[in-house]
Amino acid sequence: MALKINGIKYYKTNEACKMAGISRATFFRWLKERTIQDVKHKDRRGWRLFTDEDIENLKREANKVISVETDNRQLKIRFR
């Protein structure tokens, strides 16, 4: 359930991950690997608050397509 603060909807980590189609473990791994940036909003307990834009960014990352090519036993990965 979204929280509404000053007219803006915010979602907690579990809700945001479900909406983006990823697990919490994946989210925290991406943070650790710096694949994604951390959210800009937290509540007074330090819990992350995700906006609709944050969730769209997670979805974009989750749906990113990479092409994998092999050349002389070397793996080349191209991000599009």
PDB file of N, CA and C in Angstrom:
ATOM      1  N   MET A   1       0.846  -1.178   0.000  1.00  0.00           N
ATOM      2  CA  MET A   1       0.000   0.000   0.000  1.00  0.00           C
ATOM      3  C   MET A   1       0.894   1.245   0.000  1.00  0.00           C
ATOM      4  N   ALA A   2       0.636   2.114  -0.918  1.00  0.00           N
ATOM      5  CA  ALA A   2       1.426   3.336  -1.056  1.00  0.00           C
ATOM      6  C   ALA A   2       1.139   4.299   0.093  1.00  0.00           C
ATOM      7  N   LEU A   3       2.172   5.004   0.489  1.00  0.00           N
ATOM      8  CA  LEU A   3       2.023   6.072   1.474  1.00  0.00           C
ATOM      9  C   LEU A   3       1.892   7.371   0.697  1.00  0.00           C
ATOM     10  N   LYS A   4       1.050   8.262   1.161  1.00  0.00           N
ATOM     11  CA  LYS A   4       0.925   9.552   0.512  1.00  0.00           C
ATOM     12  C   LYS A   4       1.413  10.609   1.484  1.00  0.00           C
ATOM     13  N   ILE A   5       2.503  11.276   1.099  1.00  0.00           N
ATOM     14  CA  ILE A   5       3.091  12.313   1.938  1.00  0.00           C
ATOM     15  C   ILE A   5       3.208  13.569   1.094  1.00  0.00           C
ATOM     16  N   ASN A   6       2.603  14.638   1.555  1.00  0.00           N
ATOM     17  CA  ASN A   6       2.596  15.910   0.818  1.00  0.00           C
ATOM     18  C   ASN A   6       2.142  15.731  -0.627  1.00  0.00           C
ATOM     19  N   GLY A   7       1.161  14.871  -0.839  1.00  0.00           N
ATOM     20  CA  GLY A   7       0.596  14.665  -2.161  1.00  0.00           C
ATOM     21  C   GLY A   7       1.400  13.764  -3.081  1.00  0.00           C
ATOM     22  N   ILE A   8       2.500  13.206  -2.583  1.00  0.00           N
ATOM     23  CA  ILE A   8       3.348  12.322  -3.395  1.00  0.00           C
ATOM     24  C   ILE A   8       3.215  10.898  -2.878  1.00  0.00           C
ATOM     25  N   LYS A   9       3.043   9.936  -3.823  1.00  0.00           N
ATOM     26  CA  LYS A   9       2.946   8.534  -3.432  1.00  0.00           C
ATOM     27  C   LYS A   9       4.342   7.948  -3.276  1.00  0.00           C
ATOM     28  N   TYR A  10       4.537   7.232  -2.184  1.00  0.00           N
ATOM     29  CA  TYR A  10       5.800   6.539  -1.917  1.00  0.00           C
ATOM     30  C   TYR A  10       5.501   5.077  -1.623  1.00  0.00           C
ATOM     31  N   TYR A  11       6.436   4.221  -1.999  1.00  0.00           N
ATOM     32  CA  TYR A  11       6.310   2.790  -1.763  1.00  0.00           C
ATOM     33  C   TYR A  11       7.524   2.327  -0.971  1.00  0.00           C
ATOM     34  N   LYS A  12       7.315   1.327  -0.126  1.00  0.00           N
ATOM     35  CA  LYS A  12       8.427   0.747   0.619  1.00  0.00           C
ATOM     36  C   LYS A  12       9.164  -0.249  -0.267  1.00  0.00           C
ATOM     37  N   THR A  13      10.326  -0.680   0.176  1.00  0.00           N
ATOM     38  CA  THR A  13      11.210  -1.525  -0.632  1.00  0.00           C
ATOM     39  C   THR A  13      10.514  -2.773  -1.157  1.00  0.00           C
ATOM     40  N   ASN A  14       9.827  -3.492  -0.303  1.00  0.00           N
ATOM     41  CA  ASN A  14       9.189  -4.733  -0.717  1.00  0.00           C
ATOM     42  C   ASN A  14       8.157  -4.493  -1.819  1.00  0.00           C
ATOM     43  N   GLU A  15       7.352  -3.448  -1.653  1.00  0.00           N
ATOM     44  CA  GLU A  15       6.331  -3.118  -2.651  1.00  0.00           C
ATOM     45  C   GLU A  15       6.978  -2.712  -3.976  1.00  0.00           C
ATOM     46  N   ALA A  16       8.012  -1.885  -3.895  1.00  0.00           N
ATOM     47  CA  ALA A  16       8.688  -1.408  -5.106  1.00  0.00           C
ATOM     48  C   ALA A  16       9.311  -2.573  -5.873  1.00  0.00           C
ATOM     49  N   CYS A  17       9.927  -3.503  -5.156  1.00  0.00           N
ATOM     50  CA  CYS A  17      10.551  -4.655  -5.806  1.00  0.00           C
ATOM     51  C   CYS A  17       9.499  -5.527  -6.483  1.00  0.00           C
ATOM     52  N   LYS A  18       8.379  -5.737  -5.818  1.00  0.00           N
ATOM     53  CA  LYS A  18       7.303  -6.528  -6.425  1.00  0.00           C
ATOM     54  C   LYS A  18       6.786  -5.853  -7.687  1.00  0.00           C
ATOM     55  N   MET A  19       6.605  -4.540  -7.635  1.00  0.00           N
ATOM     56  CA  MET A  19       6.105  -3.811  -8.790  1.00  0.00           C
ATOM     57  C   MET A  19       7.093  -3.855  -9.959  1.00  0.00           C
ATOM     58  N   ALA A  20       8.392  -3.890  -9.642  1.00  0.00           N
ATOM     59  CA  ALA A  20       9.424  -3.922 -10.683  1.00  0.00           C
ATOM     60  C   ALA A  20       9.708  -5.344 -11.153  1.00  0.00           C
ATOM     61  N   GLY A  21       9.189  -6.335 -10.425  1.00  0.00           N
ATOM     62  CA  GLY A  21       9.395  -7.726 -10.826  1.00  0.00           C
ATOM     63  C   GLY A  21      10.759  -8.270 -10.456  1.00  0.00           C
ATOM     64  N   ILE A  22      11.335  -7.743  -9.379  1.00  0.00           N
ATOM     65  CA  ILE A  22      12.641  -8.230  -8.906  1.00  0.00           C
ATOM     66  C   ILE A  22      12.534  -8.608  -7.432  1.00  0.00           C
ATOM     67  N   SER A  23      13.499  -9.361  -6.963  1.00  0.00           N
ATOM     68  CA  SER A  23      13.517  -9.710  -5.546  1.00  0.00           C
ATOM     69  C   SER A  23      14.247  -8.621  -4.759  1.00  0.00           C
ATOM     70  N   ARG A  24      14.019  -8.629  -3.459  1.00  0.00           N
ATOM     71  CA  ARG A  24      14.751  -7.690  -2.597  1.00  0.00           C
ATOM     72  C   ARG A  24      16.244  -7.969  -2.671  1.00  0.00           C
ATOM     73  N   ALA A  25      16.609  -9.246  -2.756  1.00  0.00           N
ATOM     74  CA  ALA A  25      18.022  -9.615  -2.843  1.00  0.00           C
ATOM     75  C   ALA A  25      18.664  -9.015  -4.095  1.00  0.00           C
ATOM     76  N   THR A  26      17.939  -9.060  -5.202  1.00  0.00           N
ATOM     77  CA  THR A  26      18.450  -8.462  -6.443  1.00  0.00           C
ATOM     78  C   THR A  26      18.618  -6.959  -6.278  1.00  0.00           C
ATOM     79  N   PHE A  27      17.633  -6.309  -5.679  1.00  0.00           N
ATOM     80  CA  PHE A  27      17.717  -4.864  -5.459  1.00  0.00           C
ATOM     81  C   PHE A  27      18.964  -4.514  -4.647  1.00  0.00           C
ATOM     82  N   PHE A  28      19.172  -5.212  -3.538  1.00  0.00           N
ATOM     83  CA  PHE A  28      20.320  -4.901  -2.689  1.00  0.00           C
ATOM     84  C   PHE A  28      21.646  -5.274  -3.352  1.00  0.00           C
ATOM     85  N   ARG A  29      21.648  -6.321  -4.183  1.00  0.00           N
ATOM     86  CA  ARG A  29      22.857  -6.669  -4.932  1.00  0.00           C
ATOM     87  C   ARG A  29      23.186  -5.565  -5.937  1.00  0.00           C
ATOM     88  N   TRP A  30      22.155  -5.068  -6.640  1.00  0.00           N
ATOM     89  CA  TRP A  30      22.376  -3.978  -7.590  1.00  0.00           C
ATOM     90  C   TRP A  30      22.904  -2.732  -6.892  1.00  0.00           C
ATOM     91  N   LEU A  31      22.409  -2.452  -5.694  1.00  0.00           N
ATOM     92  CA  LEU A  31      22.931  -1.309  -4.939  1.00  0.00           C
ATOM     93  C   LEU A  31      24.403  -1.517  -4.612  1.00  0.00           C
ATOM     94  N   LYS A  32      24.725  -2.713  -4.126  1.00  0.00           N
ATOM     95  CA  LYS A  32      26.105  -3.018  -3.742  1.00  0.00           C
ATOM     96  C   LYS A  32      27.049  -2.942  -4.939  1.00  0.00           C
ATOM     97  N   GLU A  33      26.586  -3.431  -6.091  1.00  0.00           N
ATOM     98  CA  GLU A  33      27.398  -3.426  -7.304  1.00  0.00           C
ATOM     99  C   GLU A  33      27.374  -2.073  -8.017  1.00  0.00           C
ATOM    100  N   ARG A  34      26.568  -1.152  -7.497  1.00  0.00           N
ATOM    101  CA  ARG A  34      26.370   0.177  -8.084  1.00  0.00           C
ATOM    102  C   ARG A  34      25.780   0.110  -9.487  1.00  0.00           C
ATOM    103  N   THR A  35      24.971  -0.913  -9.708  1.00  0.00           N
ATOM    104  CA  THR A  35      24.225  -1.035 -10.967  1.00  0.00           C
ATOM    105  C   THR A  35      23.145   0.027 -11.014  1.00  0.00           C
ATOM    106  N   ILE A  36      22.586   0.347  -9.854  1.00  0.00           N
ATOM    107  CA  ILE A  36      21.559   1.379  -9.731  1.00  0.00           C
ATOM    108  C   ILE A  36      21.957   2.341  -8.622  1.00  0.00           C
ATOM    109  N   GLN A  37      21.367   3.517  -8.649  1.00  0.00           N
ATOM    110  CA  GLN A  37      21.590   4.483  -7.576  1.00  0.00           C
ATOM    111  C   GLN A  37      20.542   4.283  -6.493  1.00  0.00           C
ATOM    112  N   ASP A  38      20.912   4.605  -5.280  1.00  0.00           N
ATOM    113  CA  ASP A  38      19.961   4.495  -4.180  1.00  0.00           C
ATOM    114  C   ASP A  38      18.887   5.569  -4.328  1.00  0.00           C
ATOM    115  N   VAL A  39      17.752   5.337  -3.693  1.00  0.00           N
ATOM    116  CA  VAL A  39      16.648   6.292  -3.755  1.00  0.00           C
ATOM    117  C   VAL A  39      17.014   7.572  -3.012  1.00  0.00           C
ATOM    118  N   LYS A  40      16.296   8.623  -3.307  1.00  0.00           N
ATOM    119  CA  LYS A  40      16.591   9.933  -2.717  1.00  0.00           C
ATOM    120  C   LYS A  40      15.812  10.207  -1.455  1.00  0.00           C
ATOM    121  N   HIS A  41      14.810   9.346  -1.162  1.00  0.00           N
ATOM    122  CA  HIS A  41      13.930   9.622  -0.029  1.00  0.00           C
ATOM    123  C   HIS A  41      13.941   8.458   0.954  1.00  0.00           C
ATOM    124  N   LYS A  42      14.011   8.812   2.238  1.00  0.00           N
ATOM    125  CA  LYS A  42      13.899   7.825   3.311  1.00  0.00           C
ATOM    126  C   LYS A  42      13.026   8.422   4.404  1.00  0.00           C
ATOM    127  N   ASP A  43      12.383   7.530   5.159  1.00  0.00           N
ATOM    128  CA  ASP A  43      11.572   8.047   6.266  1.00  0.00           C
ATOM    129  C   ASP A  43      12.475   8.257   7.485  1.00  0.00           C
ATOM    130  N   ARG A  44      11.891   8.652   8.582  1.00  0.00           N
ATOM    131  CA  ARG A  44      12.705   8.978   9.759  1.00  0.00           C
ATOM    132  C   ARG A  44      13.408   7.768  10.359  1.00  0.00           C
ATOM    133  N   ARG A  45      12.942   6.567  10.015  1.00  0.00           N
ATOM    134  CA  ARG A  45      13.603   5.341  10.475  1.00  0.00           C
ATOM    135  C   ARG A  45      14.732   4.915   9.545  1.00  0.00           C
ATOM    136  N   GLY A  46      14.872   5.622   8.416  1.00  0.00           N
ATOM    137  CA  GLY A  46      15.901   5.294   7.445  1.00  0.00           C
ATOM    138  C   GLY A  46      15.444   4.299   6.390  1.00  0.00           C
ATOM    139  N   TRP A  47      14.160   3.978   6.383  1.00  0.00           N
ATOM    140  CA  TRP A  47      13.622   3.060   5.389  1.00  0.00           C
ATOM    141  C   TRP A  47      13.471   3.781   4.062  1.00  0.00           C
ATOM    142  N   ARG A  48      13.831   3.111   2.997  1.00  0.00           N
ATOM    143  CA  ARG A  48      13.743   3.700   1.665  1.00  0.00           C
ATOM    144  C   ARG A  48      12.289   3.932   1.265  1.00  0.00           C
ATOM    145  N   LEU A  49      12.070   5.060   0.586  1.00  0.00           N
ATOM    146  CA  LEU A  49      10.760   5.396   0.032  1.00  0.00           C
ATOM    147  C   LEU A  49      10.928   5.602  -1.468  1.00  0.00           C
ATOM    148  N   PHE A  50      10.221   4.806  -2.250  1.00  0.00           N
ATOM    149  CA  PHE A  50      10.341   4.826  -3.699  1.00  0.00           C
ATOM    150  C   PHE A  50       9.202   5.606  -4.324  1.00  0.00           C
ATOM    151  N   THR A  51       9.535   6.461  -5.272  1.00  0.00           N
ATOM    152  CA  THR A  51       8.521   7.167  -6.044  1.00  0.00           C
ATOM    153  C   THR A  51       8.194   6.318  -7.279  1.00  0.00           C
ATOM    154  N   ASP A  52       7.177   6.731  -8.022  1.00  0.00           N
ATOM    155  CA  ASP A  52       6.847   6.043  -9.274  1.00  0.00           C
ATOM    156  C   ASP A  52       8.035   6.081 -10.231  1.00  0.00           C
ATOM    157  N   GLU A  53       8.768   7.184 -10.236  1.00  0.00           N
ATOM    158  CA  GLU A  53       9.953   7.310 -11.100  1.00  0.00           C
ATOM    159  C   GLU A  53      11.032   6.303 -10.694  1.00  0.00           C
ATOM    160  N   ASP A  54      11.239   6.128  -9.388  1.00  0.00           N
ATOM    161  CA  ASP A  54      12.219   5.148  -8.917  1.00  0.00           C
ATOM    162  C   ASP A  54      11.844   3.742  -9.381  1.00  0.00           C
ATOM    163  N   ILE A  55      10.568   3.436  -9.317  1.00  0.00           N
ATOM    164  CA  ILE A  55      10.093   2.111  -9.724  1.00  0.00           C
ATOM    165  C   ILE A  55      10.273   1.918 -11.229  1.00  0.00           C
ATOM    166  N   GLU A  56      10.024   2.957 -12.011  1.00  0.00           N
ATOM    167  CA  GLU A  56      10.247   2.868 -13.461  1.00  0.00           C
ATOM    168  C   GLU A  56      11.719   2.622 -13.767  1.00  0.00           C
ATOM    169  N   ASN A  57      12.616   3.251 -13.007  1.00  0.00           N
ATOM    170  CA  ASN A  57      14.059   3.019 -13.192  1.00  0.00           C
ATOM    171  C   ASN A  57      14.423   1.570 -12.882  1.00  0.00           C
ATOM    172  N   LEU A  58      13.827   1.003 -11.844  1.00  0.00           N
ATOM    173  CA  LEU A  58      14.064  -0.405 -11.514  1.00  0.00           C
ATOM    174  C   LEU A  58      13.556  -1.309 -12.633  1.00  0.00           C
ATOM    175  N   LYS A  59      12.374  -1.004 -13.148  1.00  0.00           N
ATOM    176  CA  LYS A  59      11.811  -1.810 -14.234  1.00  0.00           C
ATOM    177  C   LYS A  59      12.708  -1.750 -15.469  1.00  0.00           C
ATOM    178  N   ARG A  60      13.224  -0.559 -15.776  1.00  0.00           N
ATOM    179  CA  ARG A  60      14.113  -0.412 -16.930  1.00  0.00           C
ATOM    180  C   ARG A  60      15.350  -1.286 -16.781  1.00  0.00           C
ATOM    181  N   GLU A  61      15.926  -1.278 -15.589  1.00  0.00           N
ATOM    182  CA  GLU A  61      17.114  -2.098 -15.342  1.00  0.00           C
ATOM    183  C   GLU A  61      16.769  -3.578 -15.401  1.00  0.00           C
ATOM    184  N   ALA A  62      15.630  -3.945 -14.841  1.00  0.00           N
ATOM    185  CA  ALA A  62      15.222  -5.353 -14.821  1.00  0.00           C
ATOM    186  C   ALA A  62      14.955  -5.878 -16.225  1.00  0.00           C
ATOM    187  N   ASN A  63      14.527  -5.011 -17.124  1.00  0.00           N
ATOM    188  CA  ASN A  63      14.178  -5.434 -18.479  1.00  0.00           C
ATOM    189  C   ASN A  63      15.264  -5.139 -19.505  1.00  0.00           C
ATOM    190  N   LYS A  64      16.437  -4.733 -19.025  1.00  0.00           N
ATOM    191  CA  LYS A  64      17.542  -4.425 -19.929  1.00  0.00           C
ATOM    192  C   LYS A  64      17.968  -5.692 -20.667  1.00  0.00           C
ATOM    193  N   VAL A  65      18.227  -5.551 -21.949  1.00  0.00           N
ATOM    194  CA  VAL A  65      18.654  -6.678 -22.777  1.00  0.00           C
ATOM    195  C   VAL A  65      20.129  -6.504 -23.099  1.00  0.00           C
ATOM    196  N   ILE A  66      20.885  -7.569 -22.895  1.00  0.00           N
ATOM    197  CA  ILE A  66      22.296  -7.544 -23.256  1.00  0.00           C
ATOM    198  C   ILE A  66      22.535  -8.610 -24.312  1.00  0.00           C
ATOM    199  N   SER A  67      23.477  -8.350 -25.197  1.00  0.00           N
ATOM    200  CA  SER A  67      23.812  -9.371 -26.175  1.00  0.00           C
ATOM    201  C   SER A  67      25.156  -9.971 -25.777  1.00  0.00           C
ATOM    202  N   VAL A  68      25.240 -11.253 -25.878  1.00  0.00           N
ATOM    203  CA  VAL A  68      26.447 -11.963 -25.485  1.00  0.00           C
ATOM    204  C   VAL A  68      27.020 -12.618 -26.734  1.00  0.00           C
ATOM    205  N   GLU A  69      28.262 -12.286 -27.048  1.00  0.00           N
ATOM    206  CA  GLU A  69      28.936 -12.861 -28.204  1.00  0.00           C
ATOM    207  C   GLU A  69      30.221 -13.532 -27.743  1.00  0.00           C
ATOM    208  N   THR A  70      30.552 -14.632 -28.364  1.00  0.00           N
ATOM    209  CA  THR A  70      31.812 -15.296 -28.039  1.00  0.00           C
ATOM    210  C   THR A  70      32.748 -15.159 -29.224  1.00  0.00           C
ATOM    211  N   ASP A  71      33.989 -14.895 -28.944  1.00  0.00           N
ATOM    212  CA  ASP A  71      35.002 -14.739 -29.971  1.00  0.00           C
ATOM    213  C   ASP A  71      36.306 -15.300 -29.421  1.00  0.00           C
ATOM    214  N   ASN A  72      36.766 -16.415 -30.001  1.00  0.00           N
ATOM    215  CA  ASN A  72      38.013 -17.046 -29.558  1.00  0.00           C
ATOM    216  C   ASN A  72      38.027 -17.296 -28.053  1.00  0.00           C
ATOM    217  N   ARG A  73      36.929 -17.859 -27.580  1.00  0.00           N
ATOM    218  CA  ARG A  73      36.772 -18.244 -26.171  1.00  0.00           C
ATOM    219  C   ARG A  73      36.749 -17.071 -25.204  1.00  0.00           C
ATOM    220  N   GLN A  74      36.602 -15.870 -25.695  1.00  0.00           N
ATOM    221  CA  GLN A  74      36.460 -14.708 -24.829  1.00  0.00           C
ATOM    222  C   GLN A  74      35.009 -14.279 -24.854  1.00  0.00           C
ATOM    223  N   LEU A  75      34.515 -13.925 -23.739  1.00  0.00           N
ATOM    224  CA  LEU A  75      33.119 -13.513 -23.651  1.00  0.00           C
ATOM    225  C   LEU A  75      33.057 -11.980 -23.741  1.00  0.00           C
ATOM    226  N   LYS A  76      32.293 -11.512 -24.708  1.00  0.00           N
ATOM    227  CA  LYS A  76      32.096 -10.083 -24.865  1.00  0.00           C
ATOM    228  C   LYS A  76      30.645  -9.763 -24.580  1.00  0.00           C
ATOM    229  N   ILE A  77      30.419  -8.798 -23.745  1.00  0.00           N
ATOM    230  CA  ILE A  77      29.055  -8.405 -23.409  1.00  0.00           C
ATOM    231  C   ILE A  77      28.856  -6.959 -23.849  1.00  0.00           C
ATOM    232  N   ARG A  78      27.817  -6.750 -24.621  1.00  0.00           N
ATOM    233  CA  ARG A  78      27.478  -5.400 -25.066  1.00  0.00           C
ATOM    234  C   ARG A  78      26.158  -4.993 -24.439  1.00  0.00           C
ATOM    235  N   PHE A  79      26.138  -3.815 -23.824  1.00  0.00           N
ATOM    236  CA  PHE A  79      24.893  -3.299 -23.255  1.00  0.00           C
ATOM    237  C   PHE A  79      24.250  -2.375 -24.263  1.00  0.00           C
ATOM    238  N   ARG A  80      22.947  -2.494 -24.393  1.00  0.00           N
ATOM    239  CA  ARG A  80      22.227  -1.626 -25.332  1.00  0.00           C
ATOM    240  C   ARG A  80      21.358  -0.665 -24.601  1.00  0.00           C
TER     241      ARG A  80
END
